[in-house]
Amino acid sequence: MRYFLDISFRGAAYHGWQIQPGDVSVQGALEDAFAMVLRREIAVTGAGRTDAGVNARRMVAHLDLDIAPDKAPGLIRPVNAICRPDVVINAITPVADDAHARFDATQRTYRYFAHTSDNPFVYPLSWRTPPGLDFDAMNAAAKHILGTQDFTSFAKLHADTKTNICTVTHAQWHRVEACPGLWYFEISADRFLRNMVRAVVGTLVMVGTGKITPDGVADIIAAKSRSAAGTSMPAHALFLWDVNYPFYNQASKQ
C-alpha cells in the first residue's frame, strides 16, 4: 500500500532534502531509518527539494509498504527514535496507490522569519534585520510577485528546470503579535524554483533598506536575470510551511 508521511525537520545538519552522493540528507536519513526498522530498502519520495539548511514545518512524502493501515502508525515511534531530534514523522496515512507526494501537490507555502531586535530564543531559526527595515515598503513590493510570471530573476543559475513560470497566490510580510519584533514573509505558489524564496526575500530586503523602490521589483522580474535581483538570504530562517493536495490536507490543520 502507498502511504503519505507528514514530516517536520530542522535542516541545519542536512544538505537539503534530496539524497546526494557524499552528503547527509533528510531523505537519506528517513530511508536509512525505515531500512533499519523493516530490514529492507525503502524509497521515500518527497513533495519537493529543500536547500541545505532549510527547515520544514510540514514536508509530505510517500512510500510503499507491505503493512496494513492499522499497523502502519506503529512505525512512527521506532523510525523517530532513529531520526530524532532533527527529523520527526508526525503522521502516516494510507492513500491511493497512484497518489504522488510531488506531482499531486497543488500548492506549497514557505515562511521566512526575521526579528528586528536581539532575541536569543528566536535567533537560530530567524534572521536578524538591519535597523529601520521598512516592512510596509516590502509589502508594497511583494504585490508585484503575485500572479503567473517568469521568475528567472529569482532562480538558481544552471538549474535543470524546464520552465521558470510559477503562479504565486500569496506574498506578504506578517507581524507575529505574540512575539514583539518577530515577522515572517509568507509566500504560496503552485511550484517554486531552486533558491527562489531566498532570492525573493533578498530582493524585498533591498526595498526595505531603501536600495530600490517597491515598483523596482516589477523591473527585476521583467529582466529575467538572476543578477538583477537581490542576494540569496541565509537558509536557517526559511521553512517549508505547508503542502496542499486536493485529497489530503487534514494534517495541515494541526
Protein backbone atom coordinates (compact mmCIF):
# COMPACT_ATOMS: atom_id res chain seq x y z
CA MET A 1 0.00 0.00 0.00
CA ARG A 2 1.04 3.58 -0.55
CA TYR A 3 1.29 5.91 2.44
CA PHE A 4 1.80 9.62 2.87
CA LEU A 5 4.16 10.80 5.61
CA ASP A 6 3.82 14.15 7.35
CA ILE A 7 7.35 15.15 8.37
CA SER A 8 8.92 18.02 10.29
CA PHE A 9 12.65 18.67 10.25
CA ARG A 10 15.31 21.14 11.22
CA GLY A 11 17.70 21.47 8.32
CA ALA A 12 20.90 22.76 9.92
CA ALA A 13 22.57 19.35 9.97
CA TYR A 14 21.47 18.33 6.46
CA HIS A 15 22.48 19.14 2.90
CA GLY A 16 18.85 19.58 1.90
CA TRP A 17 16.04 17.08 1.39
CA GLN A 18 17.30 15.14 -1.61
CA ILE A 19 19.88 12.36 -1.48
CA GLN A 20 23.22 13.49 -2.90
CA PRO A 21 26.45 11.48 -3.09
CA GLY A 22 28.69 12.16 -0.12
CA ASP A 23 26.23 14.43 1.69
CA VAL A 24 23.80 13.86 4.58
CA SER A 25 20.19 14.49 3.51
CA VAL A 26 16.77 14.30 5.16
CA GLN A 27 15.54 11.84 2.54
CA GLY A 28 18.56 9.65 3.17
CA ALA A 29 18.08 9.74 6.93
CA LEU A 30 14.46 8.60 6.58
CA GLU A 31 15.27 5.84 4.10
CA ASP A 32 18.06 4.56 6.36
CA ALA A 33 15.76 4.60 9.39
CA PHE A 34 12.96 2.70 7.62
CA ALA A 35 15.53 0.19 6.33
CA MET A 36 16.76 -0.41 9.88
CA VAL A 37 13.23 -0.92 11.22
CA LEU A 38 11.88 -3.02 8.33
CA ARG A 39 15.17 -4.71 7.38
CA ARG A 40 14.77 -3.93 3.71
CA GLU A 41 15.34 -0.95 1.44
CA ILE A 42 12.54 1.62 1.31
CA ALA A 43 12.28 4.52 -1.17
CA VAL A 44 10.84 7.78 0.19
CA THR A 45 9.68 10.43 -2.32
CA GLY A 46 9.19 14.00 -1.09
CA ALA A 47 6.89 16.81 -2.22
CA GLY A 48 9.93 18.76 -3.38
CA ARG A 49 13.53 19.65 -2.68
CA THR A 50 14.70 21.97 0.07
CA ASP A 51 18.15 23.54 0.04
CA ALA A 52 20.87 22.86 2.58
CA GLY A 53 19.96 24.27 5.99
CA VAL A 54 16.30 24.93 5.17
CA ASN A 55 13.71 23.69 7.67
CA ALA A 56 10.25 22.19 7.24
CA ARG A 57 7.26 22.54 9.50
CA ARG A 58 5.48 20.18 7.13
CA MET A 59 7.05 18.17 4.35
CA VAL A 60 4.90 15.47 2.75
CA ALA A 61 6.43 12.33 1.28
CA HIS A 62 5.16 8.97 0.04
CA LEU A 63 6.42 5.41 0.32
CA ASP A 64 5.11 1.92 -0.38
CA LEU A 65 4.80 -0.59 2.47
CA ASP A 66 3.59 -4.17 2.79
CA ILE A 67 1.82 -3.25 6.03
CA ALA A 68 -1.89 -2.95 6.85
CA PRO A 69 -3.19 0.56 7.58
CA ASP A 70 -3.91 -0.25 11.24
CA LYS A 71 -0.29 -1.37 11.73
CA ALA A 72 1.47 1.46 9.87
CA PRO A 73 1.26 4.08 12.68
CA GLY A 74 3.32 1.68 14.77
CA LEU A 75 6.33 2.53 12.59
CA ILE A 76 6.37 6.18 13.68
CA ARG A 77 7.91 5.63 17.10
CA PRO A 78 10.86 3.41 16.07
CA VAL A 79 11.67 5.49 12.99
CA ASN A 80 11.54 8.71 15.03
CA ALA A 81 13.79 7.15 17.65
CA ILE A 82 16.45 6.76 14.96
CA CYS A 83 15.95 10.13 13.23
CA ARG A 84 15.27 12.49 16.13
CA PRO A 85 15.77 15.15 17.27
CA ASP A 86 16.16 16.83 13.86
CA VAL A 87 13.69 14.75 11.81
CA VAL A 88 10.27 13.64 13.07
CA ILE A 89 7.37 11.83 11.39
CA ASN A 90 4.08 13.28 12.65
CA ALA A 91 1.63 11.06 10.78
CA ILE A 92 1.44 8.17 8.32
CA THR A 93 -1.74 7.90 6.26
CA PRO A 94 -2.87 5.40 3.60
CA VAL A 95 -3.63 6.95 0.20
CA ALA A 96 -4.49 5.72 -3.28
CA ASP A 97 -1.83 3.58 -4.94
CA ASP A 98 -1.22 6.24 -7.61
CA ALA A 99 -1.04 9.19 -5.20
CA HIS A 100 2.20 11.12 -5.60
CA ALA A 101 3.63 13.47 -2.97
CA ARG A 102 5.33 15.68 -5.56
CA PHE A 103 3.18 15.64 -8.67
CA ASP A 104 -0.22 15.78 -6.91
CA ALA A 105 0.66 18.79 -4.75
CA THR A 106 -1.35 21.84 -5.83
CA GLN A 107 0.23 24.46 -3.55
CA ARG A 108 3.30 24.90 -1.40
CA THR A 109 3.81 27.57 1.25
CA TYR A 110 7.08 28.88 2.67
CA ARG A 111 7.76 31.24 5.55
CA TYR A 112 10.91 33.26 6.12
CA PHE A 113 11.33 34.52 9.70
CA ALA A 114 13.00 37.79 10.68
CA HIS A 115 13.45 39.59 14.02
CA THR A 116 14.08 43.30 14.49
CA SER A 117 15.72 43.18 17.92
CA ASP A 118 18.19 40.80 19.51
CA ASN A 119 16.44 37.70 20.81
CA PRO A 120 18.44 34.62 21.82
CA PHE A 121 15.33 32.43 21.65
CA VAL A 122 14.41 33.06 18.01
CA TYR A 123 17.87 33.61 16.51
CA PRO A 124 18.68 30.04 15.47
CA LEU A 125 15.56 29.94 13.27
CA SER A 126 15.21 33.62 12.34
CA TRP A 127 17.24 36.32 10.57
CA ARG A 128 18.26 39.48 12.42
CA THR A 129 17.20 42.51 10.36
CA PRO A 130 19.21 45.70 9.92
CA PRO A 131 17.84 48.77 11.76
CA GLY A 132 14.83 50.51 10.26
CA LEU A 133 13.76 47.84 7.79
CA ASP A 134 10.56 49.15 6.12
CA PHE A 135 8.01 46.31 6.14
CA ASP A 136 5.29 48.48 4.56
CA ALA A 137 7.51 49.15 1.55
CA MET A 138 8.36 45.46 1.30
CA ASN A 139 4.67 44.54 1.31
CA ALA A 140 4.02 47.09 -1.43
CA ALA A 141 6.81 45.48 -3.44
CA ALA A 142 5.53 41.94 -2.75
CA LYS A 143 2.35 42.70 -4.71
CA HIS A 144 4.44 42.62 -7.90
CA ILE A 145 5.30 38.99 -7.19
CA LEU A 146 1.68 37.81 -7.37
CA GLY A 147 0.28 36.03 -10.41
CA THR A 148 1.63 33.78 -13.14
CA GLN A 149 5.04 35.02 -14.24
CA ASP A 150 8.50 34.00 -15.37
CA PHE A 151 10.65 34.07 -12.21
CA THR A 152 14.03 33.53 -13.86
CA SER A 153 15.39 36.52 -11.91
CA PHE A 154 14.89 34.55 -8.69
CA ALA A 155 16.05 31.14 -9.95
CA LYS A 156 19.34 29.43 -9.21
CA LEU A 157 21.59 29.58 -12.24
CA HIS A 158 22.06 26.44 -14.35
CA ALA A 159 19.17 24.59 -12.68
CA ASP A 160 17.62 21.68 -14.56
CA THR A 161 14.03 23.00 -14.64
CA LYS A 162 12.16 23.03 -17.95
CA THR A 163 10.31 26.27 -17.19
CA ASN A 164 10.67 29.14 -14.73
CA ILE A 165 6.99 30.07 -14.82
CA CYS A 166 5.19 29.86 -11.46
CA THR A 167 1.84 31.06 -10.14
CA VAL A 168 2.18 32.91 -6.82
CA THR A 169 -1.10 33.33 -4.92
CA HIS A 170 0.15 34.94 -1.70
CA ALA A 171 3.21 37.03 -0.84
CA GLN A 172 3.16 39.18 2.30
CA TRP A 173 5.08 40.07 5.46
CA HIS A 174 3.19 39.35 8.70
CA ARG A 175 3.93 40.51 12.23
CA VAL A 176 3.86 37.83 14.96
CA GLU A 177 1.76 39.56 17.61
CA ALA A 178 2.69 37.10 20.34
CA CYS A 179 6.41 37.82 19.92
CA PRO A 180 7.33 41.52 19.64
CA GLY A 181 9.85 42.20 16.91
CA LEU A 182 9.26 38.90 15.09
CA TRP A 183 7.99 38.89 11.49
CA TYR A 184 7.65 36.33 8.74
CA PHE A 185 7.31 36.55 4.98
CA GLU A 186 4.78 34.03 3.68
CA ILE A 187 4.65 33.03 0.04
CA SER A 188 2.40 30.41 -1.60
CA ALA A 189 2.64 29.10 -5.16
CA ASP A 190 1.89 26.09 -7.30
CA ARG A 191 5.63 25.46 -7.58
CA PHE A 192 8.94 27.03 -6.61
CA LEU A 193 12.29 27.23 -8.34
CA ARG A 194 15.55 26.35 -6.62
CA ASN A 195 16.60 29.17 -4.30
CA MET A 196 13.54 31.20 -5.34
CA VAL A 197 12.16 32.12 -1.92
CA ARG A 198 15.52 33.20 -0.50
CA ALA A 199 16.16 35.33 -3.61
CA VAL A 200 12.70 36.91 -3.37
CA VAL A 201 13.26 37.78 0.29
CA GLY A 202 16.70 39.18 -0.51
CA THR A 203 15.15 41.42 -3.16
CA LEU A 204 12.43 42.61 -0.78
CA VAL A 205 15.12 43.44 1.79
CA MET A 206 16.67 45.71 -0.84
CA VAL A 207 13.33 47.53 -0.91
CA GLY A 208 13.09 47.58 2.88
CA THR A 209 16.53 49.18 3.17
CA GLY A 210 15.76 51.80 0.50
CA LYS A 211 18.15 50.48 -2.16
CA ILE A 212 15.32 50.11 -4.69
CA THR A 213 11.69 51.27 -4.84
CA PRO A 214 8.75 48.87 -4.48
CA ASP A 215 7.96 49.28 -8.18
CA GLY A 216 11.54 48.32 -8.98
CA VAL A 217 10.65 44.69 -8.24
CA ALA A 218 8.50 44.61 -11.38
CA ASP A 219 11.52 45.68 -13.42
CA ILE A 220 13.65 42.97 -11.77
CA ILE A 221 11.11 40.29 -12.70
CA ALA A 222 10.91 41.62 -16.28
CA ALA A 223 14.70 41.49 -16.62
CA LYS A 224 14.69 37.67 -16.32
CA SER A 225 18.23 37.81 -14.96
CA ARG A 226 19.45 36.49 -11.62
CA SER A 227 22.00 39.31 -11.43
CA ALA A 228 19.16 41.87 -11.37
CA ALA A 229 17.68 40.54 -8.11
CA GLY A 230 18.88 40.65 -4.51
CA THR A 231 21.25 38.30 -2.77
CA SER A 232 20.10 34.90 -1.52
CA MET A 233 19.15 35.09 2.15
CA PRO A 234 20.57 32.73 4.82
CA ALA A 235 18.87 29.32 4.88
CA HIS A 236 18.43 28.95 8.65
CA ALA A 237 15.35 31.23 8.75
CA LEU A 238 13.41 29.54 5.93
CA PHE A 239 10.68 26.96 6.50
CA LEU A 240 8.65 24.85 4.12
CA TRP A 241 5.44 25.59 5.97
CA ASP A 242 2.75 23.54 4.23
CA VAL A 243 1.94 21.41 1.19
CA ASN A 244 -1.61 21.10 -0.09
CA TYR A 245 -3.39 18.36 -2.02
CA PRO A 246 -6.96 18.07 -3.33
CA PHE A 247 -7.39 14.79 -1.45
CA TYR A 248 -5.07 15.11 1.53
CA ASN A 249 -4.97 18.28 3.59
CA GLN A 250 -6.15 17.21 7.01
CA ALA A 251 -2.71 17.07 8.58
CA SER A 252 -2.05 20.70 7.63
CA LYS A 253 -4.70 21.74 10.15
CA GLN A 254 -2.57 20.53 13.08
